[in-house]
Amino acid sequence: FSGGNLSLRVSNAFYVTPKYAGEEMRWDLLPEHLVEVSLA
């Protein structure tokens, strides 16, 4: 719960966990919480 992060590449982008995913969200995530980052 102190930190850490993970991501998954999809198409020409990746989805990464948001800030405070451990500390505040206790890793109780839904897909809409994830953040898309373009690799284009």
Full PDB file with SEQRES, HELIX, SHEET, SSBOND, CRYST1, ORIGX, SCALE, CONECT and MASTER records, all heavy atoms in Angstrom:
SEQRES   1 A   40  PHE SER GLY GLY ASN LEU SER LEU ARG VAL SER ASN ALA          
SEQRES   2 A   40  PHE TYR VAL THR PRO LYS TYR ALA GLY GLU GLU MET ARG          
SEQRES   3 A   40  TRP ASP LEU LEU PRO GLU HIS LEU VAL GLU VAL SER LEU          
SEQRES   4 A   40  ALA                                                          
HELIX    1 AA1 PRO A   31  HIS A   33  5                                   3    
SHEET    1 AA1 3 SER A   7  VAL A  10  0                                        
SHEET    2 AA1 3 ALA A  13  VAL A  16 -1                                        
SHEET    3 AA1 3 VAL A  35  SER A  38 -1                                        
CRYST1    1.000    1.000    1.000  90.00  90.00  90.00 P 1           1          
ORIGX1      1.000000  0.000000  0.000000        0.00000                         
ORIGX2      0.000000  1.000000  0.000000        0.00000                         
ORIGX3      0.000000  0.000000  1.000000        0.00000                         
SCALE1      1.000000  0.000000  0.000000        0.00000                         
SCALE2      0.000000  1.000000  0.000000        0.00000                         
SCALE3      0.000000  0.000000  1.000000        0.00000                         
ATOM      1  N   PHE A   1       0.802  -1.211   0.000  1.00  0.00           N  
ATOM      2  CA  PHE A   1       0.000   0.000   0.000  1.00  0.00           C  
ATOM      3  C   PHE A   1       0.842   1.272   0.000  1.00  0.00           C  
ATOM      4  O   PHE A   1       0.299   2.372  -0.044  1.00  0.00           O  
ATOM      5  CB  PHE A   1      -0.949   0.009   1.203  1.00  0.00           C  
ATOM      6  CG  PHE A   1      -1.966  -1.104   1.170  1.00  0.00           C  
ATOM      7  CD1 PHE A   1      -2.430  -1.670   2.342  1.00  0.00           C  
ATOM      8  CD2 PHE A   1      -2.464  -1.577  -0.034  1.00  0.00           C  
ATOM      9  CE1 PHE A   1      -3.369  -2.693   2.321  1.00  0.00           C  
ATOM     10  CE2 PHE A   1      -3.399  -2.597  -0.077  1.00  0.00           C  
ATOM     11  CZ  PHE A   1      -3.863  -3.157   1.110  1.00  0.00           C  
ATOM     12  N   SER A   2       2.163   1.138   0.067  1.00  0.00           N  
ATOM     13  CA  SER A   2       3.023   2.318   0.097  1.00  0.00           C  
ATOM     14  C   SER A   2       3.363   2.835  -1.295  1.00  0.00           C  
ATOM     15  O   SER A   2       3.848   3.951  -1.445  1.00  0.00           O  
ATOM     16  CB  SER A   2       4.318   2.006   0.856  1.00  0.00           C  
ATOM     17  OG  SER A   2       5.113   1.081   0.129  1.00  0.00           O  
ATOM     18  N   GLY A   3       3.139   2.022  -2.304  1.00  0.00           N  
ATOM     19  CA  GLY A   3       3.472   2.471  -3.647  1.00  0.00           C  
ATOM     20  C   GLY A   3       3.556   1.316  -4.619  1.00  0.00           C  
ATOM     21  O   GLY A   3       3.069   0.226  -4.360  1.00  0.00           O  
ATOM     22  N   GLY A   4       4.216   1.566  -5.740  1.00  0.00           N  
ATOM     23  CA  GLY A   4       4.275   0.581  -6.811  1.00  0.00           C  
ATOM     24  C   GLY A   4       3.306   0.939  -7.918  1.00  0.00           C  
ATOM     25  O   GLY A   4       2.401   1.761  -7.737  1.00  0.00           O  
ATOM     26  N   ASN A   5       3.481   0.324  -9.068  1.00  0.00           N  
ATOM     27  CA  ASN A   5       2.622   0.611 -10.218  1.00  0.00           C  
ATOM     28  C   ASN A   5       2.787  -0.485 -11.246  1.00  0.00           C  
ATOM     29  O   ASN A   5       3.801  -1.194 -11.247  1.00  0.00           O  
ATOM     30  CB  ASN A   5       2.950   1.979 -10.827  1.00  0.00           C  
ATOM     31  CG  ASN A   5       4.414   2.331 -10.740  1.00  0.00           C  
ATOM     32  OD1 ASN A   5       5.209   1.858 -11.532  1.00  0.00           O  
ATOM     33  ND2 ASN A   5       4.779   3.128  -9.734  1.00  0.00           N  
ATOM     34  N   LEU A   6       1.806  -0.638 -12.101  1.00  0.00           N  
ATOM     35  CA  LEU A   6       1.912  -1.581 -13.206  1.00  0.00           C  
ATOM     36  C   LEU A   6       1.200  -1.044 -14.420  1.00  0.00           C  
ATOM     37  O   LEU A   6       0.367  -0.136 -14.318  1.00  0.00           O  
ATOM     38  CB  LEU A   6       1.392  -2.965 -12.839  1.00  0.00           C  
ATOM     39  CG  LEU A   6      -0.081  -3.166 -12.544  1.00  0.00           C  
ATOM     40  CD1 LEU A   6      -0.461  -4.613 -12.824  1.00  0.00           C  
ATOM     41  CD2 LEU A   6      -0.371  -2.862 -11.077  1.00  0.00           C  
ATOM     42  N   SER A   7       1.551  -1.602 -15.566  1.00  0.00           N  
ATOM     43  CA  SER A   7       0.969  -1.120 -16.813  1.00  0.00           C  
ATOM     44  C   SER A   7       0.872  -2.254 -17.812  1.00  0.00           C  
ATOM     45  O   SER A   7       1.512  -3.300 -17.665  1.00  0.00           O  
ATOM     46  CB  SER A   7       1.796   0.025 -17.399  1.00  0.00           C  
ATOM     47  OG  SER A   7       3.073  -0.439 -17.799  1.00  0.00           O  
ATOM     48  N   LEU A   8       0.073  -1.994 -18.844  1.00  0.00           N  
ATOM     49  CA  LEU A   8      -0.156  -2.974 -19.905  1.00  0.00           C  
ATOM     50  C   LEU A   8      -0.199  -2.251 -21.235  1.00  0.00           C  
ATOM     51  O   LEU A   8      -0.910  -1.255 -21.393  1.00  0.00           O  
ATOM     52  CB  LEU A   8      -1.479  -3.697 -19.663  1.00  0.00           C  
ATOM     53  CG  LEU A   8      -1.879  -4.782 -20.660  1.00  0.00           C  
ATOM     54  CD1 LEU A   8      -0.943  -5.985 -20.545  1.00  0.00           C  
ATOM     55  CD2 LEU A   8      -3.316  -5.220 -20.417  1.00  0.00           C  
ATOM     56  N   ARG A   9       0.576  -2.760 -22.209  1.00  0.00           N  
ATOM     57  CA  ARG A   9       0.547  -2.164 -23.546  1.00  0.00           C  
ATOM     58  C   ARG A   9      -0.667  -2.681 -24.317  1.00  0.00           C  
ATOM     59  O   ARG A   9      -0.917  -3.898 -24.351  1.00  0.00           O  
ATOM     60  CB  ARG A   9       1.820  -2.540 -24.314  1.00  0.00           C  
ATOM     61  CG  ARG A   9       1.921  -1.861 -25.684  1.00  0.00           C  
ATOM     62  CD  ARG A   9       2.872  -2.616 -26.589  1.00  0.00           C  
ATOM     63  NE  ARG A   9       4.254  -2.515 -26.186  1.00  0.00           N  
ATOM     64  CZ  ARG A   9       5.134  -1.640 -26.685  1.00  0.00           C  
ATOM     65  NH1 ARG A   9       4.761  -0.789 -27.602  1.00  0.00           N  
ATOM     66  NH2 ARG A   9       6.388  -1.654 -26.266  1.00  0.00           N  
ATOM     67  N   VAL A  10      -1.382  -1.779 -24.929  1.00  0.00           N  
ATOM     68  CA  VAL A  10      -2.492  -2.141 -25.814  1.00  0.00           C  
ATOM     69  C   VAL A  10      -2.417  -1.240 -27.043  1.00  0.00           C  
ATOM     70  O   VAL A  10      -2.341  -0.021 -26.912  1.00  0.00           O  
ATOM     71  CB  VAL A  10      -3.872  -2.008 -25.141  1.00  0.00           C  
ATOM     72  CG1 VAL A  10      -4.059  -3.062 -24.075  1.00  0.00           C  
ATOM     73  CG2 VAL A  10      -4.081  -0.634 -24.534  1.00  0.00           C  
ATOM     74  N   SER A  11      -2.401  -1.876 -28.212  1.00  0.00           N  
ATOM     75  CA  SER A  11      -2.295  -1.132 -29.456  1.00  0.00           C  
ATOM     76  C   SER A  11      -1.069  -0.225 -29.387  1.00  0.00           C  
ATOM     77  O   SER A  11       0.008  -0.659 -28.995  1.00  0.00           O  
ATOM     78  CB  SER A  11      -3.579  -0.334 -29.703  1.00  0.00           C  
ATOM     79  OG  SER A  11      -3.551   0.263 -30.974  1.00  0.00           O  
ATOM     80  N   ASN A  12      -1.203   1.066 -29.715  1.00  0.00           N  
ATOM     81  CA  ASN A  12      -0.077   1.985 -29.714  1.00  0.00           C  
ATOM     82  C   ASN A  12      -0.109   2.899 -28.497  1.00  0.00           C  
ATOM     83  O   ASN A  12       0.115   4.111 -28.586  1.00  0.00           O  
ATOM     84  CB  ASN A  12      -0.074   2.825 -30.993  1.00  0.00           C  
ATOM     85  CG  ASN A  12       1.316   3.366 -31.304  1.00  0.00           C  
ATOM     86  OD1 ASN A  12       2.318   2.866 -30.799  1.00  0.00           O  
ATOM     87  ND2 ASN A  12       1.373   4.389 -32.133  1.00  0.00           N  
ATOM     88  N   ALA A  13      -0.423   2.284 -27.352  1.00  0.00           N  
ATOM     89  CA  ALA A  13      -0.501   3.029 -26.096  1.00  0.00           C  
ATOM     90  C   ALA A  13      -0.294   2.048 -24.952  1.00  0.00           C  
ATOM     91  O   ALA A  13      -0.162   0.841 -25.168  1.00  0.00           O  
ATOM     92  CB  ALA A  13      -1.856   3.722 -25.967  1.00  0.00           C  
ATOM     93  N   PHE A  14      -0.232   2.568 -23.735  1.00  0.00           N  
ATOM     94  CA  PHE A  14      -0.263   1.688 -22.578  1.00  0.00           C  
ATOM     95  C   PHE A  14      -1.178   2.289 -21.522  1.00  0.00           C  
ATOM     96  O   PHE A  14      -1.422   3.504 -21.499  1.00  0.00           O  
ATOM     97  CB  PHE A  14       1.144   1.425 -22.015  1.00  0.00           C  
ATOM     98  CG  PHE A  14       1.836   2.604 -21.381  1.00  0.00           C  
ATOM     99  CD1 PHE A  14       1.727   2.846 -20.014  1.00  0.00           C  
ATOM    100  CD2 PHE A  14       2.633   3.454 -22.138  1.00  0.00           C  
ATOM    101  CE1 PHE A  14       2.386   3.909 -19.423  1.00  0.00           C  
ATOM    102  CE2 PHE A  14       3.296   4.529 -21.550  1.00  0.00           C  
ATOM    103  CZ  PHE A  14       3.176   4.750 -20.189  1.00  0.00           C  
ATOM    104  N   TYR A  15      -1.715   1.415 -20.692  1.00  0.00           N  
ATOM    105  CA  TYR A  15      -2.563   1.829 -19.576  1.00  0.00           C  
ATOM    106  C   TYR A  15      -1.789   1.583 -18.287  1.00  0.00           C  
ATOM    107  O   TYR A  15      -1.266   0.493 -18.063  1.00  0.00           O  
ATOM    108  CB  TYR A  15      -3.873   1.052 -19.563  1.00  0.00           C  
ATOM    109  CG  TYR A  15      -4.872   1.546 -20.586  1.00  0.00           C  
ATOM    110  CD1 TYR A  15      -4.755   1.179 -21.926  1.00  0.00           C  
ATOM    111  CD2 TYR A  15      -5.922   2.387 -20.222  1.00  0.00           C  
ATOM    112  CE1 TYR A  15      -5.656   1.638 -22.878  1.00  0.00           C  
ATOM    113  CE2 TYR A  15      -6.834   2.843 -21.168  1.00  0.00           C  
ATOM    114  CZ  TYR A  15      -6.696   2.470 -22.490  1.00  0.00           C  
ATOM    115  OH  TYR A  15      -7.592   2.925 -23.425  1.00  0.00           O  
ATOM    116  N   VAL A  16      -1.725   2.615 -17.450  1.00  0.00           N  
ATOM    117  CA  VAL A  16      -0.948   2.532 -16.225  1.00  0.00           C  
ATOM    118  C   VAL A  16      -1.846   2.842 -15.029  1.00  0.00           C  
ATOM    119  O   VAL A  16      -2.849   3.552 -15.155  1.00  0.00           O  
ATOM    120  CB  VAL A  16       0.248   3.511 -16.278  1.00  0.00           C  
ATOM    121  CG1 VAL A  16      -0.217   4.965 -16.312  1.00  0.00           C  
ATOM    122  CG2 VAL A  16       1.217   3.273 -15.128  1.00  0.00           C  
ATOM    123  N   THR A  17      -1.490   2.289 -13.879  1.00  0.00           N  
ATOM    124  CA  THR A  17      -2.260   2.557 -12.670  1.00  0.00           C  
ATOM    125  C   THR A  17      -2.120   4.026 -12.280  1.00  0.00           C  
ATOM    126  O   THR A  17      -1.105   4.664 -12.545  1.00  0.00           O  
ATOM    127  CB  THR A  17      -1.780   1.651 -11.524  1.00  0.00           C  
ATOM    128  OG1 THR A  17      -0.346   1.708 -11.442  1.00  0.00           O  
ATOM    129  CG2 THR A  17      -2.200   0.212 -11.766  1.00  0.00           C  
ATOM    130  N   PRO A  18      -3.135   4.578 -11.622  1.00  0.00           N  
ATOM    131  CA  PRO A  18      -3.106   5.996 -11.264  1.00  0.00           C  
ATOM    132  C   PRO A  18      -2.282   6.258 -10.010  1.00  0.00           C  
ATOM    133  O   PRO A  18      -1.856   5.328  -9.318  1.00  0.00           O  
ATOM    134  CB  PRO A  18      -4.590   6.302 -11.006  1.00  0.00           C  
ATOM    135  CG  PRO A  18      -5.129   5.014 -10.480  1.00  0.00           C  
ATOM    136  CD  PRO A  18      -4.410   3.934 -11.262  1.00  0.00           C  
ATOM    137  N   LYS A  19      -2.060   7.521  -9.727  1.00  0.00           N  
ATOM    138  CA  LYS A  19      -1.410   7.909  -8.480  1.00  0.00           C  
ATOM    139  C   LYS A  19      -2.225   7.400  -7.297  1.00  0.00           C  
ATOM    140  O   LYS A  19      -3.460   7.354  -7.356  1.00  0.00           O  
ATOM    141  CB  LYS A  19      -1.290   9.433  -8.396  1.00  0.00           C  
ATOM    142  CG  LYS A  19      -0.311  10.036  -9.376  1.00  0.00           C  
ATOM    143  CD  LYS A  19      -0.302  11.547  -9.263  1.00  0.00           C  
ATOM    144  CE  LYS A  19       0.692  12.160 -10.240  1.00  0.00           C  
ATOM    145  NZ  LYS A  19       0.646  13.642 -10.211  1.00  0.00           N  
ATOM    146  N   TYR A  20      -1.536   7.016  -6.247  1.00  0.00           N  
ATOM    147  CA  TYR A  20      -2.151   6.578  -4.990  1.00  0.00           C  
ATOM    148  C   TYR A  20      -3.004   5.313  -5.135  1.00  0.00           C  
ATOM    149  O   TYR A  20      -3.917   5.082  -4.358  1.00  0.00           O  
ATOM    150  CB  TYR A  20      -3.002   7.705  -4.380  1.00  0.00           C  
ATOM    151  CG  TYR A  20      -2.295   9.034  -4.360  1.00  0.00           C  
ATOM    152  CD1 TYR A  20      -2.812  10.132  -5.060  1.00  0.00           C  
ATOM    153  CD2 TYR A  20      -1.097   9.198  -3.671  1.00  0.00           C  
ATOM    154  CE1 TYR A  20      -2.155  11.348  -5.063  1.00  0.00           C  
ATOM    155  CE2 TYR A  20      -0.434  10.412  -3.662  1.00  0.00           C  
ATOM    156  CZ  TYR A  20      -0.969  11.487  -4.361  1.00  0.00           C  
ATOM    157  OH  TYR A  20      -0.310  12.684  -4.356  1.00  0.00           O  
ATOM    158  N   ALA A  21      -2.668   4.486  -6.140  1.00  0.00           N  
ATOM    159  CA  ALA A  21      -3.422   3.244  -6.337  1.00  0.00           C  
ATOM    160  C   ALA A  21      -3.314   2.329  -5.129  1.00  0.00           C  
ATOM    161  O   ALA A  21      -4.254   1.603  -4.802  1.00  0.00           O  
ATOM    162  CB  ALA A  21      -2.940   2.513  -7.587  1.00  0.00           C  
ATOM    163  N   GLY A  22      -2.181   2.363  -4.450  1.00  0.00           N  
ATOM    164  CA  GLY A  22      -2.001   1.548  -3.253  1.00  0.00           C  
ATOM    165  C   GLY A  22      -2.435   2.267  -2.002  1.00  0.00           C  
ATOM    166  O   GLY A  22      -3.240   1.771  -1.217  1.00  0.00           O  
ATOM    167  N   GLU A  23      -1.914   3.464  -1.812  1.00  0.00           N  
ATOM    168  CA  GLU A  23      -2.135   4.208  -0.569  1.00  0.00           C  
ATOM    169  C   GLU A  23      -3.604   4.544  -0.334  1.00  0.00           C  
ATOM    170  O   GLU A  23      -4.124   4.379   0.776  1.00  0.00           O  
ATOM    171  CB  GLU A  23      -1.306   5.491  -0.587  1.00  0.00           C  
ATOM    172  CG  GLU A  23      -1.444   6.329   0.682  1.00  0.00           C  
ATOM    173  CD  GLU A  23      -0.614   7.590   0.613  1.00  0.00           C  
ATOM    174  OE1 GLU A  23       0.148   7.755  -0.362  1.00  0.00           O  
ATOM    175  OE2 GLU A  23      -0.727   8.431   1.530  1.00  0.00           O  
ATOM    176  N   GLU A  24      -4.289   5.033  -1.358  1.00  0.00           N  
ATOM    177  CA  GLU A  24      -5.672   5.476  -1.185  1.00  0.00           C  
ATOM    178  C   GLU A  24      -6.688   4.467  -1.713  1.00  0.00           C  
ATOM    179  O   GLU A  24      -7.766   4.311  -1.134  1.00  0.00           O  
ATOM    180  CB  GLU A  24      -5.883   6.825  -1.867  1.00  0.00           C  
ATOM    181  CG  GLU A  24      -5.087   7.960  -1.228  1.00  0.00           C  
ATOM    182  CD  GLU A  24      -5.398   9.302  -1.861  1.00  0.00           C  
ATOM    183  OE1 GLU A  24      -6.252   9.355  -2.775  1.00  0.00           O  
ATOM    184  OE2 GLU A  24      -4.766  10.304  -1.448  1.00  0.00           O  
ATOM    185  N   MET A  25      -6.346   3.794  -2.795  1.00  0.00           N  
ATOM    186  CA  MET A  25      -7.314   2.914  -3.439  1.00  0.00           C  
ATOM    187  C   MET A  25      -7.150   1.453  -3.032  1.00  0.00           C  
ATOM    188  O   MET A  25      -7.963   0.614  -3.378  1.00  0.00           O  
ATOM    189  CB  MET A  25      -7.204   3.068  -4.967  1.00  0.00           C  
ATOM    190  CG  MET A  25      -7.347   4.499  -5.442  1.00  0.00           C  
ATOM    191  SD  MET A  25      -6.949   4.750  -7.187  1.00  0.00           S  
ATOM    192  CE  MET A  25      -8.470   4.225  -7.946  1.00  0.00           C  
ATOM    193  N   ARG A  26      -6.071   1.167  -2.292  1.00  0.00           N  
ATOM    194  CA  ARG A  26      -5.817  -0.193  -1.804  1.00  0.00           C  
ATOM    195  C   ARG A  26      -5.833  -1.227  -2.926  1.00  0.00           C  
ATOM    196  O   ARG A  26      -6.237  -2.374  -2.744  1.00  0.00           O  
ATOM    197  CB  ARG A  26      -6.828  -0.564  -0.715  1.00  0.00           C  
ATOM    198  CG  ARG A  26      -6.839   0.391   0.465  1.00  0.00           C  
ATOM    199  CD  ARG A  26      -5.518   0.334   1.205  1.00  0.00           C  
ATOM    200  NE  ARG A  26      -5.542   1.154   2.424  1.00  0.00           N  
ATOM    201  CZ  ARG A  26      -4.505   1.350   3.229  1.00  0.00           C  
ATOM    202  NH1 ARG A  26      -3.349   0.814   2.942  1.00  0.00           N  
ATOM    203  NH2 ARG A  26      -4.603   2.103   4.283  1.00  0.00           N  
ATOM    204  N   TRP A  27      -5.432  -0.786  -4.108  1.00  0.00           N  
ATOM    205  CA  TRP A  27      -5.374  -1.635  -5.301  1.00  0.00           C  
ATOM    206  C   TRP A  27      -6.743  -2.185  -5.715  1.00  0.00           C  
ATOM    207  O   TRP A  27      -6.823  -3.149  -6.468  1.00  0.00           O  
ATOM    208  CB  TRP A  27      -4.365  -2.780  -5.127  1.00  0.00           C  
ATOM    209  CG  TRP A  27      -2.979  -2.274  -4.941  1.00  0.00           C  
ATOM    210  CD1 TRP A  27      -2.233  -2.276  -3.800  1.00  0.00           C  
ATOM    211  CD2 TRP A  27      -2.169  -1.628  -5.934  1.00  0.00           C  
ATOM    212  NE1 TRP A  27      -1.016  -1.680  -4.006  1.00  0.00           N  
ATOM    213  CE2 TRP A  27      -0.945  -1.279  -5.318  1.00  0.00           C  
ATOM    214  CE3 TRP A  27      -2.341  -1.318  -7.278  1.00  0.00           C  
ATOM    215  CZ2 TRP A  27       0.089  -0.633  -5.997  1.00  0.00           C  
ATOM    216  CZ3 TRP A  27      -1.314  -0.684  -7.951  1.00  0.00           C  
ATOM    217  CH2 TRP A  27      -0.126  -0.355  -7.313  1.00  0.00           C  
ATOM    218  N   ASP A  28      -7.805  -1.551  -5.254  1.00  0.00           N  
ATOM    219  CA  ASP A  28      -9.164  -1.951  -5.638  1.00  0.00           C  
ATOM    220  C   ASP A  28      -9.543  -1.158  -6.887  1.00  0.00           C  
ATOM    221  O   ASP A  28     -10.301  -0.182  -6.835  1.00  0.00           O  
ATOM    222  CB  ASP A  28     -10.135  -1.682  -4.491  1.00  0.00           C  
ATOM    223  CG  ASP A  28     -11.524  -2.241  -4.762  1.00  0.00           C  
ATOM    224  OD1 ASP A  28     -11.652  -3.113  -5.653  1.00  0.00           O  
ATOM    225  OD2 ASP A  28     -12.476  -1.803  -4.101  1.00  0.00           O  
ATOM    226  N   LEU A  29      -9.010  -1.589  -8.023  1.00  0.00           N  
ATOM    227  CA  LEU A  29      -9.100  -0.824  -9.262  1.00  0.00           C  
ATOM    228  C   LEU A  29     -10.142  -1.368 -10.227  1.00  0.00           C  
ATOM    229  O   LEU A  29     -10.420  -2.566 -10.253  1.00  0.00           O  
ATOM    230  CB  LEU A  29      -7.740  -0.817  -9.965  1.00  0.00           C  
ATOM    231  CG  LEU A  29      -6.563  -0.211  -9.187  1.00  0.00           C  
ATOM    232  CD1 LEU A  29      -5.265  -0.451  -9.955  1.00  0.00           C  
ATOM    233  CD2 LEU A  29      -6.775   1.270  -8.953  1.00  0.00           C  
ATOM    234  N   LEU A  30     -10.669  -0.469 -11.036  1.00  0.00           N  
ATOM    235  CA  LEU A  30     -11.521  -0.801 -12.168  1.00  0.00           C  
ATOM    236  C   LEU A  30     -10.835  -0.274 -13.431  1.00  0.00           C  
ATOM    237  O   LEU A  30     -10.001   0.629 -13.348  1.00  0.00           O  
ATOM    238  CB  LEU A  30     -12.898  -0.148 -12.020  1.00  0.00           C  
ATOM    239  CG  LEU A  30     -13.772  -0.630 -10.865  1.00  0.00           C  
ATOM    240  CD1 LEU A  30     -15.008   0.261 -10.747  1.00  0.00           C  
ATOM    241  CD2 LEU A  30     -14.161  -2.082 -11.040  1.00  0.00           C  
ATOM    242  N   PRO A  31     -11.176  -0.816 -14.602  1.00  0.00           N  
ATOM    243  CA  PRO A  31     -10.530  -0.340 -15.830  1.00  0.00           C  
ATOM    244  C   PRO A  31     -10.605   1.173 -16.025  1.00  0.00           C  
ATOM    245  O   PRO A  31      -9.658   1.778 -16.538  1.00  0.00           O  
ATOM    246  CB  PRO A  31     -11.308  -1.084 -16.929  1.00  0.00           C  
ATOM    247  CG  PRO A  31     -11.695  -2.367 -16.279  1.00  0.00           C  
ATOM    248  CD  PRO A  31     -12.055  -1.983 -14.870  1.00  0.00           C  
ATOM    249  N   GLU A  32     -11.709   1.793 -15.602  1.00  0.00           N  
ATOM    250  CA  GLU A  32     -11.843   3.238 -15.802  1.00  0.00           C  
ATOM    251  C   GLU A  32     -10.934   4.066 -14.888  1.00  0.00           C  
ATOM    252  O   GLU A  32     -10.783   5.269 -15.088  1.00  0.00           O  
ATOM    253  CB  GLU A  32     -13.290   3.699 -15.646  1.00  0.00           C  
ATOM    254  CG  GLU A  32     -13.986   3.157 -14.439  1.00  0.00           C  
ATOM    255  CD  GLU A  32     -14.779   1.904 -14.748  1.00  0.00           C  
ATOM    256  OE1 GLU A  32     -14.246   1.013 -15.429  1.00  0.00           O  
ATOM    257  OE2 GLU A  32     -15.939   1.827 -14.311  1.00  0.00           O  
ATOM    258  N   HIS A  33     -10.316   3.435 -13.908  1.00  0.00           N  
ATOM    259  CA  HIS A  33      -9.344   4.140 -13.080  1.00  0.00           C  
ATOM    260  C   HIS A  33      -7.991   4.237 -13.777  1.00  0.00           C  
ATOM    261  O   HIS A  33      -7.176   5.098 -13.427  1.00  0.00           O  
ATOM    262  CB  HIS A  33      -9.138   3.406 -11.745  1.00  0.00           C  
ATOM    263  CG  HIS A  33     -10.347   3.365 -10.884  1.00  0.00           C  
ATOM    264  ND1 HIS A  33     -10.734   2.233 -10.202  1.00  0.00           N  
ATOM    265  CD2 HIS A  33     -11.275   4.314 -10.585  1.00  0.00           C  
ATOM    266  CE1 HIS A  33     -11.839   2.483  -9.518  1.00  0.00           C  
ATOM    267  NE2 HIS A  33     -12.174   3.727  -9.735  1.00  0.00           N  
ATOM    268  N   LEU A  34      -7.729   3.346 -14.720  1.00  0.00           N  
ATOM    269  CA  LEU A  34      -6.428   3.289 -15.383  1.00  0.00           C  
ATOM    270  C   LEU A  34      -6.260   4.479 -16.313  1.00  0.00           C  
ATOM    271  O   LEU A  34      -7.231   5.035 -16.827  1.00  0.00           O  
ATOM    272  CB  LEU A  34      -6.289   1.983 -16.153  1.00  0.00           C  
ATOM    273  CG  LEU A  34      -6.517   0.713 -15.323  1.00  0.00           C  
ATOM    274  CD1 LEU A  34      -6.427  -0.514 -16.214  1.00  0.00           C  
ATOM    275  CD2 LEU A  34      -5.527   0.620 -14.172  1.00  0.00           C  
ATOM    276  N   VAL A  35      -5.018   4.872 -16.530  1.00  0.00           N  
ATOM    277  CA  VAL A  35      -4.712   6.070 -17.309  1.00  0.00           C  
ATOM    278  C   VAL A  35      -4.039   5.673 -18.617  1.00  0.00           C  
ATOM    279  O   VAL A  35      -3.035   4.941 -18.613  1.00  0.00           O  
ATOM    280  CB  VAL A  35      -3.800   7.017 -16.516  1.00  0.00           C  
ATOM    281  CG1 VAL A  35      -3.551   8.299 -17.314  1.00  0.00           C  
ATOM    282  CG2 VAL A  35      -4.413   7.348 -15.158  1.00  0.00           C  
ATOM    283  N   GLU A  36      -4.568   6.139 -19.724  1.00  0.00           N  
ATOM    284  CA  GLU A  36      -4.002   5.837 -21.039  1.00  0.00           C  
ATOM    285  C   GLU A  36      -2.868   6.802 -21.370  1.00  0.00           C  
ATOM    286  O   GLU A  36      -2.993   8.011 -21.186  1.00  0.00           O  
ATOM    287  CB  GLU A  36      -5.085   5.931 -22.111  1.00  0.00           C  
ATOM    288  CG  GLU A  36      -4.586   5.568 -23.508  1.00  0.00           C  
ATOM    289  CD  GLU A  36      -5.671   5.665 -24.563  1.00  0.00           C  
ATOM    290  OE1 GLU A  36      -6.765   6.167 -24.241  1.00  0.00           O  
ATOM    291  OE2 GLU A  36      -5.397   5.251 -25.706  1.00  0.00           O  
ATOM    292  N   VAL A  37      -1.778   6.241 -21.859  1.00  0.00           N  
ATOM    293  CA  VAL A  37      -0.627   7.041 -22.289  1.00  0.00           C  
ATOM    294  C   VAL A  37      -0.263   6.620 -23.706  1.00  0.00           C  
ATOM    295  O   VAL A  37      -0.006   5.440 -23.960  1.00  0.00           O  
ATOM    296  CB  VAL A  37       0.584   6.843 -21.354  1.00  0.00           C  
ATOM    297  CG1 VAL A  37       1.762   7.682 -21.843  1.00  0.00           C  
ATOM    298  CG2 VAL A  37       0.222   7.201 -19.920  1.00  0.00           C  
ATOM    299  N   SER A  38      -0.228   7.556 -24.613  1.00  0.00           N  
ATOM    300  CA  SER A  38       0.056   7.250 -26.012  1.00  0.00           C  
ATOM    301  C   SER A  38       1.533   6.949 -26.218  1.00  0.00           C  
ATOM    302  O   SER A  38       2.408   7.557 -25.609  1.00  0.00           O  
ATOM    303  CB  SER A  38      -0.351   8.430 -26.900  1.00  0.00           C  
ATOM    304  OG  SER A  38       0.036   8.190 -28.246  1.00  0.00           O  
ATOM    305  N   LEU A  39       1.800   5.999 -27.120  1.00  0.00           N  
ATOM    306  CA  LEU A  39       3.153   5.680 -27.544  1.00  0.00           C  
ATOM    307  C   LEU A  39       3.377   6.063 -28.998  1.00  0.00           C  
ATOM    308  O   LEU A  39       4.401   5.736 -29.589  1.00  0.00           O  
ATOM    309  CB  LEU A  39       3.425   4.189 -27.366  1.00  0.00           C  
ATOM    310  CG  LEU A  39       3.504   3.674 -25.920  1.00  0.00           C  
ATOM    311  CD1 LEU A  39       3.489   2.152 -25.905  1.00  0.00           C  
ATOM    312  CD2 LEU A  39       4.751   4.204 -25.221  1.00  0.00           C  
ATOM    313  N   ALA A  40       2.418   6.769 -29.575  1.00  0.00           N  
ATOM    314  CA  ALA A  40       2.464   7.078 -30.999  1.00  0.00           C  
ATOM    315  C   ALA A  40       3.634   7.988 -31.355  1.00  0.00           C  
ATOM    316  O   ALA A  40       4.188   7.907 -32.452  1.00  0.00           O  
ATOM    317  CB  ALA A  40       1.150   7.711 -31.438  1.00  0.00           C  
TER     318      ALA A  40                                                      
MASTER        0    0    0    1    3    0    0    6  317    1    0    4          
END                                                                             
